[in-house]
Amino acid sequence: MKKKLIFSGVFLSALIMIAPSCKKSSGATNNSNGTDSASTIYSTTLAGNNSSKGTFDFGPTGVTVDAQGNVYAAISTGSYIVKVAPSGSISTFAGSDGNPGCEAGTGTSATFTDPYALCIDAQGNIYVADYMCNIKKISPAGVSTTFSSSDVINNVIIAPQAICIDANGNVYSANQLGEEGIAMTTPGGAVSLFAGNGTAGYVDGAVSAAEFNGLGITGLCADANGNIYVADPPRIRKISNGQVTTVAGNASHGFTNGKGAAASFGGAMGICMGPDGNIYIADVYNNMIRKMTPDGTVTTVTGTGDAGFKDGDPQVAQYNQPSNLCFDANGNLYVADYGNKMIRKITFPK
């Protein structure tokens, strides 16, 4: 079964239906093209079709990295997970192209149908939001099992497409239907509804009354204090102390740097917590990597805004539909550059 491209099917209907024609607005930026003024931020290619180190058959969607610096990428269209060594060499870690399914197994004997987002725990276990199956767990040895397949609403996790893990090992997941809310699965496998009231919409407030976008939650991440951040296009929201608030973004899709509701995103997809305490955002339709401080101030880290491929500093680097991102232990940021079929690496000043 050969599946659709990630940005052309129901899988991400949330963003296709509202894909904007974005134009840059200066907002709160530090230089003429809207990027942070830090000349030592630099984008390179770890692996991908324009790299001699390794190539992908399809564009990567989810990405995570282990303590040894190995990067794992979900190849949603191909139904498998790859491992990218620090050298850039690529190998299949779990599943295989052209063999979709939801079966447990080791290495290529396991099957996935539409693996999208990934996260990793302190023991090196990888959790996979498999859109057409459930949440899978892959051990460091490559043994894949079902981690969670039920929730408190439908007795089945439907189409998980966002996932993250907190410091206590609790896994949070969300799917394309806002009324499903956000589920939490404990390390022991107990599932509960973490936030959402069963209705799609946009409502801040107590977690039991909150409403999320009916067209899709596209990213989740946790900070060191157990707060959960939600990419709920076109906004970034926060769940803390039983309350849901909007940190940045408004009802419009576009490109504006600024604080809180003054900021806008073309398509906030994957989000991750940086070692500096800021949230980093793959803005898929602006072809940029953005940054949000805890107070909701949004700036552009890198990317010209034009879809394309170019390594270099923030003023020249180009991406093509960046879908997800994560940091390694050394503070390097890895980006699943879906449209370019690459894993990109962004280094920061030390």
Protein backbone atom coordinates (compact mmCIF):
# COMPACT_ATOMS: atom_id res chain seq x y z
CA MET A 1 0.00 0.00 0.00
CA LYS A 2 1.63 3.23 -1.14
CA LYS A 3 0.27 6.19 0.78
CA LYS A 4 -0.30 9.87 0.10
CA LEU A 5 2.15 12.65 0.72
CA ILE A 6 1.95 13.95 4.24
CA PHE A 7 0.79 17.42 3.25
CA SER A 8 -1.78 16.36 0.65
CA GLY A 9 -4.11 13.99 2.50
CA VAL A 10 -6.46 13.85 5.45
CA PHE A 11 -3.49 13.22 7.74
CA LEU A 12 -2.75 16.92 7.94
CA SER A 13 -6.05 18.35 6.71
CA ALA A 14 -5.73 20.88 9.50
CA LEU A 15 -2.96 22.69 7.69
CA ILE A 16 -3.90 22.04 4.08
CA MET A 17 -7.30 23.63 4.55
CA ILE A 18 -5.81 26.81 5.91
CA ALA A 19 -2.45 26.95 4.12
CA PRO A 20 -1.78 30.67 3.75
CA SER A 21 0.08 32.73 1.26
CA CYS A 22 2.37 34.19 3.88
CA LYS A 23 4.07 37.55 3.65
CA LYS A 24 6.77 38.70 6.01
CA SER A 25 6.00 41.36 8.58
CA SER A 26 8.78 42.89 10.61
CA GLY A 27 7.26 42.54 14.07
CA ALA A 28 9.75 42.30 16.93
CA THR A 29 12.88 41.28 15.05
CA ASN A 30 16.54 42.10 15.21
CA ASN A 31 17.51 42.57 11.57
CA SER A 32 16.09 43.25 8.14
CA ASN A 33 14.86 39.77 7.28
CA GLY A 34 13.32 39.00 10.66
CA THR A 35 15.87 36.51 11.98
CA ASP A 36 17.65 36.60 15.29
CA SER A 37 20.94 38.46 14.98
CA ALA A 38 23.39 35.71 15.91
CA SER A 39 25.82 35.19 13.05
CA THR A 40 27.20 32.00 14.54
CA ILE A 41 23.86 30.18 14.16
CA TYR A 42 24.52 27.94 11.18
CA SER A 43 22.52 25.36 9.24
CA THR A 44 24.12 22.28 7.71
CA THR A 45 22.83 19.01 6.25
CA LEU A 46 23.31 15.87 8.33
CA ALA A 47 21.77 13.50 5.78
CA GLY A 48 19.50 13.71 2.77
CA ASN A 49 19.17 13.74 -0.96
CA ASN A 50 21.68 16.51 -1.49
CA SER A 51 24.20 14.88 0.84
CA SER A 52 26.79 12.21 0.09
CA LYS A 53 26.34 10.86 3.62
CA GLY A 54 22.98 9.16 3.02
CA THR A 55 19.63 9.59 1.29
CA PHE A 56 15.94 9.08 2.09
CA ASP A 57 13.31 7.54 -0.17
CA PHE A 58 10.69 9.87 1.30
CA GLY A 59 10.71 13.02 3.38
CA PRO A 60 11.17 12.61 7.15
CA THR A 61 8.38 13.77 9.44
CA GLY A 62 9.19 13.05 13.10
CA VAL A 63 12.68 13.28 14.57
CA THR A 64 14.36 12.50 17.90
CA VAL A 65 17.93 11.91 19.09
CA ASP A 66 19.49 9.55 21.63
CA ALA A 67 22.28 10.13 24.18
CA GLN A 68 24.90 8.88 21.71
CA GLY A 69 23.92 11.45 19.10
CA ASN A 70 22.07 9.06 16.79
CA VAL A 71 19.11 10.73 15.13
CA TYR A 72 15.92 8.76 14.47
CA ALA A 73 13.46 9.88 11.83
CA ALA A 74 9.94 8.72 11.04
CA ILE A 75 9.37 8.14 7.33
CA SER A 76 5.60 8.40 7.35
CA THR A 77 5.03 7.82 3.66
CA GLY A 78 7.28 4.76 3.74
CA SER A 79 5.99 3.24 7.01
CA TYR A 80 9.35 2.86 8.73
CA ILE A 81 11.84 4.44 11.14
CA VAL A 82 15.43 5.19 10.18
CA LYS A 83 18.55 5.71 12.26
CA VAL A 84 21.03 8.39 11.23
CA ALA A 85 24.49 8.07 12.78
CA PRO A 86 26.47 11.21 13.71
CA SER A 87 28.45 10.59 10.51
CA GLY A 88 25.26 10.94 8.47
CA SER A 89 24.98 7.28 7.44
CA ILE A 90 21.39 6.01 7.30
CA SER A 91 20.05 2.58 8.23
CA THR A 92 16.55 1.18 8.74
CA PHE A 93 15.86 0.87 12.46
CA ALA A 94 12.28 -0.47 12.52
CA GLY A 95 9.67 -1.38 9.93
CA SER A 96 10.21 -1.55 6.20
CA ASP A 97 9.10 0.32 3.10
CA GLY A 98 6.05 -1.10 1.37
CA ASN A 99 5.04 -3.29 4.32
CA PRO A 100 2.46 -1.32 6.33
CA GLY A 101 0.74 -2.74 9.38
CA CYS A 102 0.46 -2.51 13.15
CA GLU A 103 2.37 -5.59 14.22
CA ALA A 104 4.98 -5.86 16.97
CA GLY A 105 8.39 -7.22 16.08
CA THR A 106 12.12 -6.62 16.06
CA GLY A 107 13.77 -4.39 13.51
CA THR A 108 12.33 -4.76 10.04
CA SER A 109 9.89 -7.47 11.17
CA ALA A 110 7.81 -4.83 12.97
CA THR A 111 5.25 -2.95 10.92
CA PHE A 112 4.04 0.63 10.99
CA THR A 113 1.40 2.26 8.86
CA ASP A 114 1.86 6.01 9.13
CA PRO A 115 4.51 6.82 11.77
CA TYR A 116 4.70 10.54 12.25
CA ALA A 117 5.98 12.04 15.52
CA LEU A 118 8.69 10.58 17.76
CA CYS A 119 9.99 11.14 21.28
CA ILE A 120 12.55 9.36 23.46
CA ASP A 121 12.81 8.61 27.17
CA ALA A 122 15.82 8.60 29.50
CA GLN A 123 16.40 4.88 28.87
CA GLY A 124 16.56 5.34 25.10
CA ASN A 125 13.12 3.92 24.31
CA ILE A 126 11.50 5.63 21.33
CA TYR A 127 7.75 6.33 21.27
CA VAL A 128 6.01 6.58 17.91
CA ALA A 129 2.72 8.26 17.10
CA ASP A 130 1.63 5.87 14.34
CA TYR A 131 -1.26 7.73 12.76
CA MET A 132 -3.08 4.71 11.36
CA CYS A 133 -2.35 2.42 14.32
CA ASN A 134 -1.62 3.55 17.87
CA ILE A 135 1.36 4.52 20.02
CA LYS A 136 4.32 2.19 19.59
CA LYS A 137 7.40 1.78 21.80
CA ILE A 138 10.75 0.75 20.33
CA SER A 139 13.51 -0.39 22.67
CA PRO A 140 17.15 0.57 22.04
CA ALA A 141 17.58 -2.95 20.63
CA GLY A 142 14.86 -2.26 18.05
CA VAL A 143 12.06 -4.31 19.65
CA SER A 144 8.73 -2.69 18.77
CA THR A 145 5.62 -3.19 20.91
CA THR A 146 2.28 -1.43 21.38
CA PHE A 147 2.60 1.02 24.25
CA SER A 148 -0.91 2.46 24.32
CA SER A 149 -4.01 1.70 22.32
CA SER A 150 -6.84 2.99 24.49
CA ASP A 151 -8.09 6.25 25.91
CA VAL A 152 -10.93 7.41 28.10
CA ILE A 153 -13.14 8.66 25.29
CA ASN A 154 -13.31 6.08 22.51
CA ASN A 155 -11.42 3.16 24.03
CA VAL A 156 -8.96 3.54 21.19
CA ILE A 157 -6.40 6.21 20.35
CA ILE A 158 -7.51 7.42 16.95
CA ALA A 159 -4.89 8.76 14.57
CA PRO A 160 -2.19 10.01 16.97
CA GLN A 161 -0.04 12.60 15.20
CA ALA A 162 1.64 14.47 18.08
CA ILE A 163 3.55 13.02 21.02
CA CYS A 164 5.91 14.01 23.82
CA ILE A 165 7.20 12.67 27.11
CA ASP A 166 7.77 14.41 30.45
CA ALA A 167 10.51 13.94 33.02
CA ASN A 168 8.42 11.33 34.87
CA GLY A 169 7.96 9.16 31.79
CA ASN A 170 4.35 10.11 31.12
CA VAL A 171 3.58 10.15 27.39
CA TYR A 172 1.20 12.76 25.99
CA SER A 173 -0.49 12.31 22.65
CA ALA A 174 -3.02 14.06 20.45
CA ASN A 175 -4.67 13.35 17.13
CA GLN A 176 -6.26 15.26 14.29
CA LEU A 177 -9.58 15.70 16.05
CA GLY A 178 -9.68 18.52 18.58
CA GLU A 179 -12.60 17.01 20.46
CA GLU A 180 -10.39 14.08 21.37
CA GLY A 181 -8.23 16.44 23.43
CA ILE A 182 -4.85 15.37 24.77
CA ALA A 183 -4.34 11.96 26.37
CA MET A 184 -1.72 11.02 28.98
CA THR A 185 -0.34 7.51 29.30
CA THR A 186 1.65 6.64 32.41
CA PRO A 187 4.79 4.47 32.20
CA GLY A 188 2.60 1.59 33.36
CA GLY A 189 0.15 2.07 30.50
CA ALA A 190 -2.76 3.73 32.30
CA VAL A 191 -4.48 6.22 30.00
CA SER A 192 -6.48 9.29 31.00
CA LEU A 193 -7.77 12.43 29.36
CA PHE A 194 -5.29 15.16 30.23
CA ALA A 195 -7.03 18.14 28.62
CA GLY A 196 -10.13 18.76 26.50
CA ASN A 197 -13.88 18.68 26.97
CA GLY A 198 -14.99 16.57 24.01
CA THR A 199 -15.80 19.55 21.78
CA ALA A 200 -13.62 20.98 19.04
CA GLY A 201 -13.05 24.71 19.22
CA TYR A 202 -10.90 27.32 20.89
CA VAL A 203 -11.43 27.80 24.63
CA ASP A 204 -8.79 28.53 27.26
CA GLY A 205 -9.39 27.81 30.94
CA ALA A 206 -9.55 24.73 33.14
CA VAL A 207 -8.32 21.59 31.40
CA SER A 208 -11.75 19.97 31.72
CA ALA A 209 -13.39 22.88 29.88
CA ALA A 210 -10.69 23.63 27.30
CA GLU A 211 -11.26 23.14 23.59
CA PHE A 212 -8.68 22.46 20.88
CA ASN A 213 -8.64 22.93 17.12
CA GLY A 214 -10.94 20.43 15.42
CA LEU A 215 -8.60 20.33 12.43
CA GLY A 216 -5.60 19.06 14.32
CA ILE A 217 -3.11 19.38 17.15
CA THR A 218 0.22 19.10 15.35
CA GLY A 219 2.87 19.24 18.08
CA LEU A 220 3.47 18.68 21.80
CA CYS A 221 6.43 19.22 24.10
CA ALA A 222 7.10 19.23 27.85
CA ASP A 223 9.37 21.46 29.90
CA ALA A 224 11.36 20.55 33.01
CA ASN A 225 8.53 21.70 35.27
CA GLY A 226 5.94 19.41 33.70
CA ASN A 227 4.19 22.11 31.68
CA ILE A 228 2.92 20.92 28.29
CA TYR A 229 3.06 23.15 25.21
CA VAL A 230 0.65 22.52 22.35
CA ALA A 231 0.95 23.47 18.69
CA ASP A 232 -2.76 24.08 18.04
CA PRO A 233 -2.65 25.92 14.71
CA PRO A 234 -2.63 28.85 14.41
CA ARG A 235 -1.62 29.20 18.09
CA ILE A 236 0.85 27.89 20.65
CA ARG A 237 -0.87 27.02 23.91
CA LYS A 238 0.33 25.95 27.35
CA ILE A 239 -1.10 23.54 29.92
CA SER A 240 0.07 24.31 33.45
CA ASN A 241 -1.44 23.73 36.90
CA GLY A 242 -4.69 22.51 35.41
CA GLN A 243 -5.15 25.54 33.16
CA VAL A 244 -4.88 26.01 29.40
CA THR A 245 -3.67 29.40 28.15
CA THR A 246 -2.63 30.80 24.79
CA VAL A 247 1.01 31.89 24.76
CA ALA A 248 1.39 33.14 21.18
CA GLY A 249 -0.54 33.39 17.94
CA ASN A 250 -4.00 34.51 16.96
CA ALA A 251 -6.83 33.46 14.67
CA SER A 252 -4.87 34.33 11.52
CA HIS A 253 -2.22 32.36 9.68
CA GLY A 254 0.71 34.39 8.40
CA PHE A 255 4.15 35.58 9.34
CA THR A 256 4.61 38.13 12.10
CA ASN A 257 7.24 38.20 14.81
CA GLY A 258 6.04 39.73 18.04
CA LYS A 259 4.66 38.96 21.46
CA GLY A 260 1.56 36.96 22.30
CA ALA A 261 -1.40 37.60 20.03
CA ALA A 262 0.72 39.95 17.89
CA ALA A 263 2.69 36.97 16.56
CA SER A 264 1.45 34.71 13.78
CA PHE A 265 2.53 31.42 12.22
CA GLY A 266 2.08 29.99 8.75
CA GLY A 267 1.72 26.50 10.15
CA ALA A 268 3.17 25.67 13.56
CA MET A 269 3.97 21.97 13.28
CA GLY A 270 6.50 20.22 15.51
CA ILE A 271 7.64 22.02 18.66
CA CYS A 272 10.42 21.23 21.11
CA MET A 273 11.94 22.66 24.28
CA GLY A 274 15.42 24.11 23.89
CA PRO A 275 18.20 23.95 26.47
CA ASP A 276 17.79 27.71 26.85
CA GLY A 277 14.20 27.28 28.09
CA ASN A 278 12.65 28.56 24.87
CA ILE A 279 10.25 26.72 22.57
CA TYR A 280 11.44 26.06 19.02
CA ILE A 281 8.85 25.71 16.28
CA ALA A 282 8.91 24.19 12.81
CA ASP A 283 6.82 26.71 10.86
CA VAL A 284 6.01 24.48 7.91
CA TYR A 285 4.42 26.95 5.51
CA ASN A 286 6.78 29.80 6.27
CA ASN A 287 9.69 27.41 5.69
CA MET A 288 11.34 28.70 8.86
CA ILE A 289 12.42 27.72 12.33
CA ARG A 290 10.90 30.09 14.88
CA LYS A 291 11.55 30.60 18.60
CA MET A 292 9.12 31.50 21.38
CA THR A 293 10.27 32.69 24.80
CA PRO A 294 8.27 31.75 27.92
CA ASP A 295 6.51 35.13 27.83
CA GLY A 296 5.30 34.47 24.27
CA THR A 297 7.77 36.59 22.29
CA VAL A 298 8.26 35.03 18.86
CA THR A 299 11.30 35.58 16.62
CA THR A 300 12.76 33.77 13.62
CA VAL A 301 15.82 31.60 14.22
CA THR A 302 16.68 30.75 10.63
CA GLY A 303 15.20 30.54 7.17
CA THR A 304 14.50 33.12 4.47
CA GLY A 305 10.85 32.16 4.14
CA ASP A 306 11.31 30.86 0.60
CA ALA A 307 10.94 27.12 0.03
CA GLY A 308 14.26 25.74 -1.13
CA PHE A 309 17.53 24.25 0.01
CA LYS A 310 20.55 26.16 1.18
CA ASP A 311 22.84 25.71 4.15
CA GLY A 312 24.38 28.69 5.87
CA ASP A 313 23.63 31.45 8.31
CA PRO A 314 20.06 32.58 9.16
CA GLN A 315 19.92 35.17 6.39
CA VAL A 316 20.56 32.65 3.59
CA ALA A 317 19.44 29.23 4.91
CA GLN A 318 16.42 27.72 3.19
CA TYR A 319 14.06 24.90 4.15
CA ASN A 320 11.16 23.20 2.41
CA GLN A 321 8.26 22.30 4.72
CA PRO A 322 10.13 21.64 7.98
CA SER A 323 7.86 19.35 9.96
CA ASN A 324 9.54 18.51 13.26
CA LEU A 325 12.64 19.21 15.33
CA CYS A 326 14.59 18.19 18.43
CA PHE A 327 17.76 19.04 20.38
CA ASP A 328 20.65 16.79 21.27
CA ALA A 329 22.61 16.84 24.54
CA ASN A 330 25.12 19.30 23.06
CA GLY A 331 22.50 21.90 22.15
CA ASN A 332 22.38 21.17 18.41
CA LEU A 333 18.97 21.36 16.78
CA TYR A 334 17.91 18.72 14.23
CA VAL A 335 15.14 19.45 11.75
CA ALA A 336 13.06 17.00 9.72
CA ASP A 337 13.08 18.93 6.43
CA TYR A 338 10.26 17.06 4.76
CA GLY A 339 10.19 18.76 1.37
CA ASN A 340 13.95 18.46 0.89
CA LYS A 341 14.08 14.84 2.11
CA MET A 342 16.78 15.80 4.59
CA ILE A 343 17.76 15.96 8.22
CA ARG A 344 19.22 19.42 8.82
CA LYS A 345 21.42 20.38 11.76
CA ILE A 346 21.49 23.85 13.30
CA THR A 347 24.38 24.82 15.56
CA PHE A 348 24.29 27.71 18.02
CA PRO A 349 26.90 29.91 19.72
CA LYS A 350 28.61 28.10 22.58
